[in-house]
Amino acid sequence: MSESLQALGVELIAASSGELQLRAANVDWLRAVLVAFGHRAHIEGETLHVPSADIDNVERAVRAALAPQAVLLDLDGVLVDIARRNHIAKVEDVQAIAAHYPLGVVTTCPRRVAESVLEQHGFLKFVGVVVGSEDGPCKPDPFPVRYALQQLGKQSAWMLGDNPSDVTAARGAGVVPFGILPRGIGAESHMDRLRAAGAVRLVEGVGSLLTLLPPR
């Protein structure tokens, strides 16, 4: 584990049956992801302490946090507003992500409808896989997120959604969950629900996620 983490800029200070101790430049971010994945973790000084940790699970979480292999997006509320028939994300932001990361869309819409909407707004050509309602159990079940990763041939990802069900599905699949920052009436309570579901960060949209992704 030590060598694989060092490649990501993470130093393994100590490992025992009772606790892992890690040191990295971005321990706050690592702690947020580990907590989202169900680990107890706290920071002392510059060291991240993970009590009673399964080393393999921690390594998977760290890899997902620092070196995602793909990006997954919800459709309605992230890329487009289906009811109002307009796009939310910018095509150039989606294109910029797809230039470096395999991109998937995970939606509760039927795939045919989702692909039609994505095509209409200019997104479809940048999307590697669309997982729809007919493919299996829908979010908050982790199945569609896992299935999207399987179809992309990847093991880790970041996912951006606008509802707690997106966050729950991502966490269940071991994918780092981001939420869209709510606006308007009820925004504060919706924000609370996203955070309670385990969103590691709330962002303005796809463009904001693009700025956070590690360079590849």
N, C-alpha and C. Protein backbone atom coordinates (compact mmCIF):
# COMPACT_ATOMS: atom_id res chain seq x y z
N MET A 1 0.83 -1.21 0.00
CA MET A 1 0.00 0.00 0.00
C MET A 1 0.86 1.26 0.00
N SER A 2 1.95 1.26 0.73
CA SER A 2 2.76 2.46 0.89
C SER A 2 3.23 3.01 -0.45
N GLU A 3 3.77 2.14 -1.31
CA GLU A 3 4.29 2.59 -2.60
C GLU A 3 3.18 3.13 -3.49
N SER A 4 2.03 2.47 -3.50
CA SER A 4 0.94 2.92 -4.35
C SER A 4 0.40 4.26 -3.90
N LEU A 5 0.39 4.50 -2.57
CA LEU A 5 -0.06 5.79 -2.07
C LEU A 5 0.96 6.88 -2.33
N GLN A 6 2.23 6.56 -2.25
CA GLN A 6 3.26 7.55 -2.50
C GLN A 6 3.14 8.12 -3.91
N ALA A 7 2.73 7.29 -4.84
CA ALA A 7 2.56 7.77 -6.22
C ALA A 7 1.47 8.82 -6.30
N LEU A 8 0.57 8.85 -5.31
CA LEU A 8 -0.50 9.84 -5.27
C LEU A 8 -0.17 11.00 -4.34
N GLY A 9 1.05 11.01 -3.81
CA GLY A 9 1.44 12.08 -2.91
C GLY A 9 0.99 11.89 -1.47
N VAL A 10 0.71 10.63 -1.11
CA VAL A 10 0.24 10.32 0.24
C VAL A 10 1.29 9.46 0.93
N GLU A 11 1.68 9.86 2.13
CA GLU A 11 2.68 9.11 2.90
C GLU A 11 1.99 8.30 3.99
N LEU A 12 2.30 7.02 4.03
CA LEU A 12 1.79 6.16 5.09
C LEU A 12 2.75 6.24 6.27
N ILE A 13 2.30 6.90 7.34
CA ILE A 13 3.15 7.10 8.51
C ILE A 13 3.18 5.86 9.38
N ALA A 14 2.00 5.28 9.60
CA ALA A 14 1.92 4.10 10.46
C ALA A 14 0.69 3.30 10.08
N ALA A 15 0.79 2.00 10.27
CA ALA A 15 -0.33 1.11 10.00
C ALA A 15 -0.34 0.01 11.04
N SER A 16 -1.49 -0.19 11.66
CA SER A 16 -1.64 -1.26 12.62
C SER A 16 -3.07 -1.75 12.54
N SER A 17 -3.38 -2.76 13.33
CA SER A 17 -4.74 -3.28 13.33
C SER A 17 -5.72 -2.26 13.90
N GLY A 18 -5.20 -1.27 14.63
CA GLY A 18 -6.07 -0.29 15.27
C GLY A 18 -6.22 1.02 14.53
N GLU A 19 -5.22 1.39 13.69
CA GLU A 19 -5.28 2.72 13.09
C GLU A 19 -4.30 2.84 11.94
N LEU A 20 -4.72 3.62 10.94
CA LEU A 20 -3.82 4.06 9.88
C LEU A 20 -3.52 5.54 10.10
N GLN A 21 -2.30 5.94 9.79
CA GLN A 21 -1.94 7.35 9.85
C GLN A 21 -1.35 7.74 8.50
N LEU A 22 -1.95 8.76 7.90
CA LEU A 22 -1.57 9.21 6.57
C LEU A 22 -1.20 10.68 6.60
N ARG A 23 -0.27 11.06 5.74
CA ARG A 23 0.09 12.46 5.62
C ARG A 23 0.05 12.85 4.14
N ALA A 24 -0.61 13.97 3.87
CA ALA A 24 -0.72 14.45 2.49
C ALA A 24 -0.98 15.95 2.52
N ALA A 25 -0.82 16.59 1.37
CA ALA A 25 -1.03 18.04 1.29
C ALA A 25 -2.50 18.40 1.44
N ASN A 26 -3.38 17.48 1.11
CA ASN A 26 -4.81 17.76 1.10
C ASN A 26 -5.57 16.84 2.05
N VAL A 27 -5.15 16.83 3.31
CA VAL A 27 -5.77 15.91 4.27
C VAL A 27 -7.24 16.24 4.52
N ASP A 28 -7.62 17.51 4.41
CA ASP A 28 -9.03 17.87 4.60
C ASP A 28 -9.91 17.19 3.56
N TRP A 29 -9.44 17.20 2.32
CA TRP A 29 -10.19 16.56 1.24
C TRP A 29 -10.24 15.05 1.43
N LEU A 30 -9.12 14.45 1.79
CA LEU A 30 -9.10 13.01 2.01
C LEU A 30 -10.02 12.62 3.16
N ARG A 31 -10.01 13.40 4.22
CA ARG A 31 -10.90 13.09 5.35
C ARG A 31 -12.37 13.15 4.91
N ALA A 32 -12.74 14.15 4.13
CA ALA A 32 -14.13 14.28 3.68
C ALA A 32 -14.55 13.06 2.87
N VAL A 33 -13.68 12.58 2.01
CA VAL A 33 -14.02 11.41 1.18
C VAL A 33 -14.09 10.16 2.04
N LEU A 34 -13.14 9.98 2.94
CA LEU A 34 -13.15 8.80 3.80
C LEU A 34 -14.42 8.76 4.67
N VAL A 35 -14.81 9.90 5.19
CA VAL A 35 -16.04 9.96 5.99
C VAL A 35 -17.25 9.63 5.12
N ALA A 36 -17.28 10.14 3.90
CA ALA A 36 -18.39 9.84 2.98
C ALA A 36 -18.49 8.35 2.72
N PHE A 37 -17.35 7.66 2.75
CA PHE A 37 -17.33 6.22 2.50
C PHE A 37 -17.47 5.41 3.79
N GLY A 38 -17.81 6.07 4.88
CA GLY A 38 -18.13 5.36 6.11
C GLY A 38 -16.99 5.13 7.07
N HIS A 39 -15.84 5.74 6.80
CA HIS A 39 -14.70 5.59 7.70
C HIS A 39 -14.73 6.69 8.77
N ARG A 40 -14.31 6.35 9.97
CA ARG A 40 -14.07 7.37 10.99
C ARG A 40 -12.67 7.91 10.75
N ALA A 41 -12.56 9.22 10.66
CA ALA A 41 -11.25 9.82 10.39
C ALA A 41 -11.19 11.19 11.03
N HIS A 42 -10.01 11.52 11.56
CA HIS A 42 -9.83 12.84 12.13
C HIS A 42 -8.40 13.30 11.85
N ILE A 43 -8.20 14.61 11.93
CA ILE A 43 -6.91 15.21 11.62
C ILE A 43 -6.26 15.74 12.89
N GLU A 44 -5.01 15.40 13.07
CA GLU A 44 -4.20 15.94 14.15
C GLU A 44 -2.94 16.54 13.53
N GLY A 45 -2.84 17.86 13.60
CA GLY A 45 -1.73 18.51 12.93
C GLY A 45 -1.83 18.34 11.43
N GLU A 46 -0.83 17.70 10.83
CA GLU A 46 -0.85 17.44 9.39
C GLU A 46 -1.11 15.97 9.08
N THR A 47 -1.51 15.21 10.11
CA THR A 47 -1.68 13.77 9.95
C THR A 47 -3.15 13.38 10.01
N LEU A 48 -3.55 12.52 9.09
CA LEU A 48 -4.91 12.00 9.06
C LEU A 48 -4.92 10.65 9.75
N HIS A 49 -5.73 10.51 10.78
CA HIS A 49 -5.85 9.28 11.54
C HIS A 49 -7.15 8.57 11.15
N VAL A 50 -7.03 7.30 10.79
CA VAL A 50 -8.20 6.51 10.38
C VAL A 50 -8.26 5.29 11.30
N PRO A 51 -9.06 5.36 12.38
CA PRO A 51 -9.12 4.24 13.34
C PRO A 51 -9.80 3.01 12.74
N SER A 52 -9.35 1.85 13.23
CA SER A 52 -9.96 0.57 12.87
C SER A 52 -10.18 0.47 11.37
N ALA A 53 -9.16 0.80 10.61
CA ALA A 53 -9.32 0.91 9.17
C ALA A 53 -8.95 -0.36 8.44
N ASP A 54 -9.72 -0.68 7.43
CA ASP A 54 -9.38 -1.72 6.47
C ASP A 54 -8.47 -1.08 5.42
N ILE A 55 -7.24 -1.53 5.36
CA ILE A 55 -6.25 -0.88 4.50
C ILE A 55 -6.70 -0.85 3.05
N ASP A 56 -7.22 -1.95 2.54
CA ASP A 56 -7.64 -2.00 1.14
C ASP A 56 -8.77 -1.00 0.86
N ASN A 57 -9.74 -0.92 1.78
CA ASN A 57 -10.85 0.02 1.59
C ASN A 57 -10.37 1.47 1.64
N VAL A 58 -9.44 1.74 2.54
CA VAL A 58 -8.89 3.10 2.62
C VAL A 58 -8.15 3.44 1.34
N GLU A 59 -7.36 2.51 0.84
CA GLU A 59 -6.62 2.77 -0.39
C GLU A 59 -7.57 3.04 -1.56
N ARG A 60 -8.67 2.29 -1.65
CA ARG A 60 -9.64 2.52 -2.72
C ARG A 60 -10.25 3.91 -2.60
N ALA A 61 -10.55 4.32 -1.36
CA ALA A 61 -11.12 5.64 -1.14
C ALA A 61 -10.14 6.74 -1.52
N VAL A 62 -8.87 6.56 -1.14
CA VAL A 62 -7.86 7.55 -1.46
C VAL A 62 -7.67 7.66 -2.97
N ARG A 63 -7.66 6.52 -3.64
CA ARG A 63 -7.52 6.53 -5.10
C ARG A 63 -8.72 7.23 -5.76
N ALA A 64 -9.91 6.95 -5.25
CA ALA A 64 -11.10 7.60 -5.80
C ALA A 64 -11.03 9.11 -5.59
N ALA A 65 -10.50 9.52 -4.43
CA ALA A 65 -10.42 10.95 -4.12
C ALA A 65 -9.40 11.67 -4.97
N LEU A 66 -8.24 11.05 -5.16
CA LEU A 66 -7.11 11.74 -5.79
C LEU A 66 -6.87 11.37 -7.25
N ALA A 67 -7.37 10.22 -7.69
CA ALA A 67 -7.10 9.77 -9.05
C ALA A 67 -8.32 9.09 -9.65
N PRO A 68 -9.44 9.80 -9.78
CA PRO A 68 -10.62 9.19 -10.39
C PRO A 68 -10.33 8.79 -11.84
N GLN A 69 -10.92 7.68 -12.24
CA GLN A 69 -10.71 7.18 -13.60
C GLN A 69 -11.82 7.60 -14.56
N ALA A 70 -12.92 8.13 -14.03
CA ALA A 70 -14.05 8.51 -14.87
C ALA A 70 -14.87 9.57 -14.14
N VAL A 71 -15.79 10.19 -14.87
CA VAL A 71 -16.72 11.16 -14.30
C VAL A 71 -18.13 10.74 -14.69
N LEU A 72 -19.03 10.73 -13.70
CA LEU A 72 -20.43 10.39 -13.94
C LEU A 72 -21.29 11.59 -13.59
N LEU A 73 -22.33 11.82 -14.39
CA LEU A 73 -23.22 12.96 -14.20
C LEU A 73 -24.67 12.50 -14.21
N ASP A 74 -25.47 13.11 -13.36
CA ASP A 74 -26.91 12.97 -13.47
C ASP A 74 -27.35 13.78 -14.70
N LEU A 75 -28.55 13.51 -15.19
CA LEU A 75 -29.04 14.22 -16.37
C LEU A 75 -29.87 15.44 -15.96
N ASP A 76 -31.06 15.20 -15.46
CA ASP A 76 -31.99 16.28 -15.12
C ASP A 76 -31.53 16.99 -13.86
N GLY A 77 -31.31 18.30 -13.97
CA GLY A 77 -30.84 19.07 -12.83
C GLY A 77 -29.35 19.30 -12.81
N VAL A 78 -28.61 18.58 -13.65
CA VAL A 78 -27.16 18.75 -13.74
C VAL A 78 -26.76 19.20 -15.15
N LEU A 79 -27.17 18.41 -16.14
CA LEU A 79 -26.87 18.77 -17.53
C LEU A 79 -27.98 19.60 -18.15
N VAL A 80 -29.22 19.22 -17.89
CA VAL A 80 -30.36 19.91 -18.50
C VAL A 80 -31.49 20.06 -17.47
N ASP A 81 -32.39 20.96 -17.78
CA ASP A 81 -33.66 21.06 -17.07
C ASP A 81 -34.71 20.52 -18.04
N ILE A 82 -35.09 19.27 -17.86
CA ILE A 82 -35.96 18.61 -18.83
C ILE A 82 -37.32 19.31 -18.91
N ALA A 83 -37.87 19.69 -17.77
CA ALA A 83 -39.19 20.31 -17.77
C ALA A 83 -39.20 21.62 -18.55
N ARG A 84 -38.15 22.41 -18.39
CA ARG A 84 -38.08 23.71 -19.07
C ARG A 84 -37.41 23.62 -20.44
N ARG A 85 -36.91 22.44 -20.77
CA ARG A 85 -36.31 22.18 -22.08
C ARG A 85 -35.13 23.10 -22.38
N ASN A 86 -34.29 23.30 -21.38
CA ASN A 86 -33.07 24.07 -21.63
C ASN A 86 -31.90 23.39 -20.96
N HIS A 87 -30.70 23.74 -21.39
CA HIS A 87 -29.52 23.13 -20.81
C HIS A 87 -29.05 23.93 -19.61
N ILE A 88 -28.42 23.23 -18.67
CA ILE A 88 -27.86 23.85 -17.47
C ILE A 88 -26.34 23.94 -17.61
N ALA A 89 -25.73 22.84 -18.00
CA ALA A 89 -24.28 22.81 -18.18
C ALA A 89 -23.91 23.38 -19.54
N LYS A 90 -22.68 23.83 -19.65
CA LYS A 90 -22.15 24.30 -20.93
C LYS A 90 -21.54 23.13 -21.69
N VAL A 91 -21.80 23.09 -22.98
CA VAL A 91 -21.26 22.00 -23.80
C VAL A 91 -19.73 21.98 -23.72
N GLU A 92 -19.12 23.16 -23.70
CA GLU A 92 -17.65 23.19 -23.68
C GLU A 92 -17.07 22.64 -22.39
N ASP A 93 -17.80 22.76 -21.28
CA ASP A 93 -17.33 22.17 -20.03
C ASP A 93 -17.41 20.65 -20.07
N VAL A 94 -18.50 20.13 -20.62
CA VAL A 94 -18.64 18.68 -20.77
C VAL A 94 -17.57 18.15 -21.71
N GLN A 95 -17.34 18.86 -22.80
CA GLN A 95 -16.31 18.46 -23.76
C GLN A 95 -14.93 18.45 -23.10
N ALA A 96 -14.65 19.45 -22.26
CA ALA A 96 -13.35 19.53 -21.60
C ALA A 96 -13.14 18.36 -20.64
N ILE A 97 -14.19 17.97 -19.92
CA ILE A 97 -14.07 16.80 -19.04
C ILE A 97 -13.84 15.54 -19.86
N ALA A 98 -14.64 15.38 -20.92
CA ALA A 98 -14.55 14.17 -21.75
C ALA A 98 -13.21 14.05 -22.47
N ALA A 99 -12.50 15.15 -22.63
CA ALA A 99 -11.19 15.10 -23.27
C ALA A 99 -10.16 14.37 -22.41
N HIS A 100 -10.43 14.29 -21.10
CA HIS A 100 -9.46 13.68 -20.18
C HIS A 100 -10.02 12.51 -19.37
N TYR A 101 -11.34 12.44 -19.24
CA TYR A 101 -11.97 11.39 -18.44
C TYR A 101 -13.11 10.75 -19.21
N PRO A 102 -13.21 9.42 -19.20
CA PRO A 102 -14.42 8.78 -19.72
C PRO A 102 -15.64 9.31 -18.97
N LEU A 103 -16.70 9.60 -19.70
CA LEU A 103 -17.85 10.29 -19.13
C LEU A 103 -19.10 9.44 -19.27
N GLY A 104 -19.85 9.31 -18.17
CA GLY A 104 -21.09 8.57 -18.19
C GLY A 104 -22.23 9.40 -17.62
N VAL A 105 -23.44 9.10 -18.08
CA VAL A 105 -24.65 9.74 -17.55
C VAL A 105 -25.50 8.67 -16.90
N VAL A 106 -25.89 8.91 -15.66
CA VAL A 106 -26.72 7.97 -14.90
C VAL A 106 -28.03 8.67 -14.58
N THR A 107 -29.14 8.14 -15.10
CA THR A 107 -30.42 8.82 -14.98
C THR A 107 -31.55 7.84 -14.69
N THR A 108 -32.62 8.36 -14.12
CA THR A 108 -33.83 7.55 -13.92
C THR A 108 -34.75 7.63 -15.13
N CYS A 109 -34.37 8.40 -16.14
CA CYS A 109 -35.15 8.45 -17.39
C CYS A 109 -34.89 7.18 -18.22
N PRO A 110 -35.84 6.80 -19.08
CA PRO A 110 -35.53 5.74 -20.05
C PRO A 110 -34.35 6.16 -20.92
N ARG A 111 -33.51 5.22 -21.27
CA ARG A 111 -32.30 5.55 -22.01
C ARG A 111 -32.59 6.27 -23.32
N ARG A 112 -33.63 5.83 -24.02
CA ARG A 112 -33.97 6.46 -25.30
C ARG A 112 -34.29 7.94 -25.11
N VAL A 113 -35.05 8.26 -24.06
CA VAL A 113 -35.38 9.66 -23.77
C VAL A 113 -34.12 10.43 -23.40
N ALA A 114 -33.29 9.84 -22.55
CA ALA A 114 -32.06 10.50 -22.11
C ALA A 114 -31.15 10.80 -23.29
N GLU A 115 -30.96 9.83 -24.16
CA GLU A 115 -30.09 10.03 -25.32
C GLU A 115 -30.65 11.10 -26.25
N SER A 116 -31.96 11.14 -26.40
CA SER A 116 -32.58 12.17 -27.23
C SER A 116 -32.33 13.57 -26.66
N VAL A 117 -32.50 13.70 -25.34
CA VAL A 117 -32.27 14.99 -24.69
C VAL A 117 -30.79 15.39 -24.79
N LEU A 118 -29.90 14.45 -24.55
CA LEU A 118 -28.47 14.73 -24.65
C LEU A 118 -28.09 15.15 -26.07
N GLU A 119 -28.65 14.49 -27.05
CA GLU A 119 -28.38 14.83 -28.46
C GLU A 119 -28.90 16.23 -28.77
N GLN A 120 -30.10 16.53 -28.32
CA GLN A 120 -30.72 17.83 -28.58
C GLN A 120 -29.87 18.99 -28.08
N HIS A 121 -29.22 18.79 -26.93
CA HIS A 121 -28.45 19.87 -26.33
C HIS A 121 -26.95 19.78 -26.63
N GLY A 122 -26.54 18.84 -27.45
CA GLY A 122 -25.16 18.77 -27.90
C GLY A 122 -24.20 18.03 -27.00
N PHE A 123 -24.74 17.26 -26.03
CA PHE A 123 -23.88 16.55 -25.08
C PHE A 123 -23.54 15.12 -25.49
N LEU A 124 -24.40 14.49 -26.25
CA LEU A 124 -24.33 13.03 -26.42
C LEU A 124 -23.00 12.56 -26.98
N LYS A 125 -22.42 13.30 -27.91
CA LYS A 125 -21.19 12.83 -28.55
C LYS A 125 -20.00 12.77 -27.59
N PHE A 126 -20.15 13.39 -26.42
CA PHE A 126 -19.06 13.36 -25.43
C PHE A 126 -19.29 12.32 -24.34
N VAL A 127 -20.41 11.62 -24.40
CA VAL A 127 -20.80 10.68 -23.35
C VAL A 127 -20.49 9.25 -23.78
N GLY A 128 -19.74 8.54 -22.94
CA GLY A 128 -19.36 7.18 -23.28
C GLY A 128 -20.43 6.16 -23.01
N VAL A 129 -21.27 6.40 -22.00
CA VAL A 129 -22.34 5.46 -21.67
C VAL A 129 -23.49 6.22 -21.03
N VAL A 130 -24.71 5.80 -21.35
CA VAL A 130 -25.91 6.32 -20.71
C VAL A 130 -26.61 5.15 -20.02
N VAL A 131 -26.78 5.23 -18.72
CA VAL A 131 -27.48 4.21 -17.96
C VAL A 131 -28.86 4.76 -17.61
N GLY A 132 -29.91 4.06 -18.07
CA GLY A 132 -31.27 4.53 -17.87
C GLY A 132 -32.09 3.60 -17.00
N SER A 133 -33.37 3.91 -16.89
CA SER A 133 -34.25 3.20 -15.95
C SER A 133 -34.43 1.74 -16.30
N GLU A 134 -34.29 1.38 -17.59
CA GLU A 134 -34.51 -0.01 -17.98
C GLU A 134 -33.32 -0.91 -17.72
N ASP A 135 -32.20 -0.35 -17.30
CA ASP A 135 -30.99 -1.14 -17.12
C ASP A 135 -30.95 -1.89 -15.79
N GLY A 136 -31.79 -1.51 -14.84
CA GLY A 136 -31.80 -2.18 -13.54
C GLY A 136 -32.36 -1.25 -12.48
N PRO A 137 -32.18 -1.59 -11.21
CA PRO A 137 -32.68 -0.74 -10.13
C PRO A 137 -32.15 0.69 -10.26
N CYS A 138 -32.99 1.66 -9.99
CA CYS A 138 -32.62 3.07 -10.12
C CYS A 138 -32.04 3.60 -8.82
N LYS A 139 -31.40 4.76 -8.91
CA LYS A 139 -30.92 5.47 -7.73
C LYS A 139 -32.08 5.68 -6.76
N PRO A 140 -31.86 5.53 -5.46
CA PRO A 140 -30.58 5.52 -4.73
C PRO A 140 -29.85 4.19 -4.67
N ASP A 141 -30.38 3.15 -5.32
CA ASP A 141 -29.63 1.90 -5.40
C ASP A 141 -28.31 2.17 -6.12
N PRO A 142 -27.20 1.60 -5.66
CA PRO A 142 -25.92 1.85 -6.32
C PRO A 142 -25.75 1.16 -7.66
N PHE A 143 -26.70 0.29 -8.03
CA PHE A 143 -26.54 -0.49 -9.26
C PHE A 143 -26.22 0.36 -10.49
N PRO A 144 -26.99 1.42 -10.80
CA PRO A 144 -26.72 2.14 -12.04
C PRO A 144 -25.34 2.79 -12.07
N VAL A 145 -24.83 3.19 -10.91
CA VAL A 145 -23.50 3.78 -10.85
C VAL A 145 -22.45 2.70 -11.11
N ARG A 146 -22.61 1.56 -10.45
CA ARG A 146 -21.68 0.45 -10.68
C ARG A 146 -21.73 -0.01 -12.14
N TYR A 147 -22.94 -0.05 -12.70
CA TYR A 147 -23.10 -0.51 -14.08
C TYR A 147 -22.43 0.47 -15.05
N ALA A 148 -22.55 1.77 -14.77
CA ALA A 148 -21.88 2.76 -15.62
C ALA A 148 -20.37 2.57 -15.59
N LEU A 149 -19.81 2.35 -14.40
CA LEU A 149 -18.37 2.09 -14.31
C LEU A 149 -17.98 0.84 -15.07
N GLN A 150 -18.80 -0.20 -14.93
CA GLN A 150 -18.53 -1.45 -15.64
C GLN A 150 -18.52 -1.23 -17.15
N GLN A 151 -19.50 -0.48 -17.64
CA GLN A 151 -19.57 -0.23 -19.08
C GLN A 151 -18.40 0.63 -19.57
N LEU A 152 -17.91 1.50 -18.72
CA LEU A 152 -16.76 2.32 -19.08
C LEU A 152 -15.44 1.60 -18.88
N GLY A 153 -15.48 0.46 -18.19
CA GLY A 153 -14.26 -0.29 -17.92
C GLY A 153 -13.37 0.37 -16.89
N LYS A 154 -13.98 1.07 -15.91
CA LYS A 154 -13.24 1.79 -14.89
C LYS A 154 -13.66 1.32 -13.50
N GLN A 155 -12.82 1.64 -12.51
CA GLN A 155 -13.08 1.19 -11.15
C GLN A 155 -13.40 2.32 -10.18
N SER A 156 -13.09 3.55 -10.54
CA SER A 156 -13.33 4.67 -9.63
C SER A 156 -13.81 5.87 -10.42
N ALA A 157 -14.51 6.79 -9.72
CA ALA A 157 -15.05 7.95 -10.41
C ALA A 157 -15.46 9.01 -9.42
N TRP A 158 -15.71 10.21 -9.94
CA TRP A 158 -16.44 11.25 -9.25
C TRP A 158 -17.81 11.34 -9.90
N MET A 159 -18.83 11.66 -9.09
CA MET A 159 -20.18 11.78 -9.64
C MET A 159 -20.83 13.06 -9.13
N LEU A 160 -21.51 13.77 -10.04
CA LEU A 160 -22.23 14.99 -9.71
C LEU A 160 -23.72 14.79 -9.92
N GLY A 161 -24.48 15.02 -8.85
CA GLY A 161 -25.93 14.92 -8.93
C GLY A 161 -26.58 16.09 -8.22
N ASP A 162 -27.91 16.15 -8.29
CA ASP A 162 -28.60 17.26 -7.65
C ASP A 162 -29.55 16.82 -6.55
N ASN A 163 -29.64 15.52 -6.29
CA ASN A 163 -30.56 14.99 -5.28
C ASN A 163 -29.84 14.04 -4.33
N PRO A 164 -30.37 13.88 -3.12
CA PRO A 164 -29.77 12.93 -2.18
C PRO A 164 -29.69 11.52 -2.75
N SER A 165 -30.61 11.13 -3.61
CA SER A 165 -30.56 9.79 -4.20
C SER A 165 -29.31 9.60 -5.05
N ASP A 166 -28.85 10.66 -5.72
CA ASP A 166 -27.61 10.58 -6.49
C ASP A 166 -26.42 10.36 -5.56
N VAL A 167 -26.41 11.10 -4.46
CA VAL A 167 -25.32 10.99 -3.50
C VAL A 167 -25.28 9.60 -2.87
N THR A 168 -26.44 9.10 -2.48
CA THR A 168 -26.52 7.77 -1.87
C THR A 168 -26.06 6.69 -2.82
N ALA A 169 -26.48 6.78 -4.08
CA ALA A 169 -26.07 5.79 -5.08
C ALA A 169 -24.57 5.81 -5.31
N ALA A 170 -24.01 7.02 -5.40
CA ALA A 170 -22.57 7.14 -5.62
C ALA A 170 -21.79 6.55 -4.45
N ARG A 171 -22.17 6.91 -3.23
CA ARG A 171 -21.48 6.38 -2.06
C ARG A 171 -21.55 4.87 -2.01
N GLY A 172 -22.71 4.32 -2.31
CA GLY A 172 -22.87 2.87 -2.28
C GLY A 172 -22.00 2.16 -3.28
N ALA A 173 -21.64 2.86 -4.36
CA ALA A 173 -20.81 2.27 -5.40
C ALA A 173 -19.33 2.61 -5.22
N GLY A 174 -18.98 3.31 -4.14
CA GLY A 174 -17.59 3.68 -3.92
C GLY A 174 -17.12 4.80 -4.82
N VAL A 175 -18.07 5.66 -5.24
CA VAL A 175 -17.77 6.78 -6.13
C VAL A 175 -17.88 8.07 -5.31
N VAL A 176 -16.98 9.00 -5.52
CA VAL A 176 -16.95 10.24 -4.74
C VAL A 176 -18.16 11.10 -5.11
N PRO A 177 -19.05 11.41 -4.15
CA PRO A 177 -20.30 12.09 -4.46
C PRO A 177 -20.24 13.61 -4.28
N PHE A 178 -20.54 14.32 -5.35
CA PHE A 178 -20.68 15.77 -5.32
C PHE A 178 -22.15 16.13 -5.52
N GLY A 179 -22.55 17.30 -4.99
CA GLY A 179 -23.90 17.77 -5.18
C GLY A 179 -23.92 19.15 -5.81
N ILE A 180 -24.97 19.42 -6.59
CA ILE A 180 -25.18 20.76 -7.13
C ILE A 180 -25.64 21.68 -6.01
N LEU A 181 -25.04 22.85 -5.91
CA LEU A 181 -25.43 23.81 -4.89
C LEU A 181 -26.84 24.31 -5.20
N PRO A 182 -27.81 24.06 -4.29
CA PRO A 182 -29.20 24.45 -4.57
C PRO A 182 -29.38 25.97 -4.59
N ARG A 183 -30.38 26.40 -5.36
CA ARG A 183 -30.73 27.82 -5.43
C ARG A 183 -32.23 27.98 -5.23
N GLY A 184 -32.64 29.18 -4.84
CA GLY A 184 -34.05 29.51 -4.79
C GLY A 184 -34.74 29.03 -3.53
N ILE A 185 -36.07 28.93 -3.63
CA ILE A 185 -36.90 28.55 -2.49
C ILE A 185 -36.56 27.13 -2.04
N GLY A 186 -36.35 26.97 -0.74
CA GLY A 186 -36.04 25.65 -0.20
C GLY A 186 -34.60 25.23 -0.36
N ALA A 187 -33.75 26.16 -0.83
CA ALA A 187 -32.35 25.80 -1.10
C ALA A 187 -31.63 25.33 0.15
N GLU A 188 -31.86 26.02 1.25
CA GLU A 188 -31.12 25.68 2.47
C GLU A 188 -31.46 24.28 2.97
N SER A 189 -32.74 23.92 2.95
CA SER A 189 -33.12 22.58 3.42
C SER A 189 -32.64 21.51 2.45
N HIS A 190 -32.65 21.81 1.15
CA HIS A 190 -32.14 20.84 0.17
C HIS A 190 -30.64 20.66 0.33
N MET A 191 -29.96 21.76 0.64
CA MET A 191 -28.52 21.69 0.91
C MET A 191 -28.25 20.77 2.10
N ASP A 192 -29.05 20.92 3.13
CA ASP A 192 -28.89 20.07 4.31
C ASP A 192 -29.10 18.60 3.96
N ARG A 193 -30.07 18.32 3.10
CA ARG A 193 -30.35 16.91 2.71
C ARG A 193 -29.19 16.33 1.90
N LEU A 194 -28.61 17.14 1.02
CA LEU A 194 -27.46 16.66 0.25
C LEU A 194 -26.28 16.35 1.16
N ARG A 195 -26.03 17.22 2.11
CA ARG A 195 -24.91 17.00 3.03
C ARG A 195 -25.18 15.81 3.94
N ALA A 196 -26.44 15.68 4.39
CA ALA A 196 -26.79 14.55 5.25
C ALA A 196 -26.65 13.23 4.51
N ALA A 197 -26.90 13.25 3.21
CA ALA A 197 -26.74 12.04 2.40
C ALA A 197 -25.29 11.67 2.20
N GLY A 198 -24.37 12.65 2.41
CA GLY A 198 -22.95 12.35 2.32
C GLY A 198 -22.20 13.05 1.20
N ALA A 199 -22.79 14.09 0.60
CA ALA A 199 -22.06 14.82 -0.45
C ALA A 199 -20.77 15.41 0.13
N VAL A 200 -19.65 15.16 -0.52
CA VAL A 200 -18.38 15.64 0.01
C VAL A 200 -18.17 17.13 -0.27
N ARG A 201 -18.84 17.62 -1.31
CA ARG A 201 -18.74 19.05 -1.63
C ARG A 201 -19.93 19.44 -2.49
N LEU A 202 -20.41 20.67 -2.29
CA LEU A 202 -21.46 21.21 -3.13
C LEU A 202 -20.83 22.22 -4.08
N VAL A 203 -21.13 22.09 -5.38
CA VAL A 203 -20.50 22.94 -6.39
C VAL A 203 -21.58 23.60 -7.24
N GLU A 204 -21.18 24.65 -7.94
CA GLU A 204 -22.13 25.39 -8.76
C GLU A 204 -22.66 24.57 -9.94
N GLY A 205 -21.84 23.69 -10.47
CA GLY A 205 -22.26 22.91 -11.62
C GLY A 205 -21.10 22.17 -12.24
N VAL A 206 -21.31 21.72 -13.48
CA VAL A 206 -20.29 20.93 -14.19
C VAL A 206 -19.00 21.73 -14.36
N GLY A 207 -19.13 23.02 -14.64
CA GLY A 207 -17.93 23.85 -14.80
C GLY A 207 -17.09 23.89 -13.55
N SER A 208 -17.75 23.96 -12.39
CA SER A 208 -17.03 23.98 -11.12
C SER A 208 -16.35 22.64 -10.86
N LEU A 209 -17.03 21.54 -11.20
CA LEU A 209 -16.42 20.23 -11.04
C LEU A 209 -15.17 20.10 -11.90
N LEU A 210 -15.23 20.66 -13.09
CA LEU A 210 -14.08 20.62 -14.01
C LEU A 210 -12.85 21.23 -13.36
N THR A 211 -13.01 22.32 -12.64
CA THR A 211 -11.86 22.98 -12.02
C THR A 211 -11.26 22.19 -10.88
N LEU A 212 -12.03 21.24 -10.31
CA LEU A 212 -11.56 20.44 -9.17
C LEU A 212 -10.89 19.13 -9.60
N LEU A 213 -11.18 18.68 -10.79
CA LEU A 213 -10.66 17.38 -11.24
C LEU A 213 -9.14 17.41 -11.34
N PRO A 214 -8.47 16.35 -10.90
CA PRO A 214 -7.01 16.29 -11.04
C PRO A 214 -6.62 16.31 -12.51
N PRO A 215 -5.56 17.01 -12.88
CA PRO A 215 -5.11 17.04 -14.28
C PRO A 215 -4.65 15.68 -14.72
N ARG A 216 -4.90 15.38 -15.98
CA ARG A 216 -4.47 14.09 -16.55
C ARG A 216 -3.78 14.34 -17.88
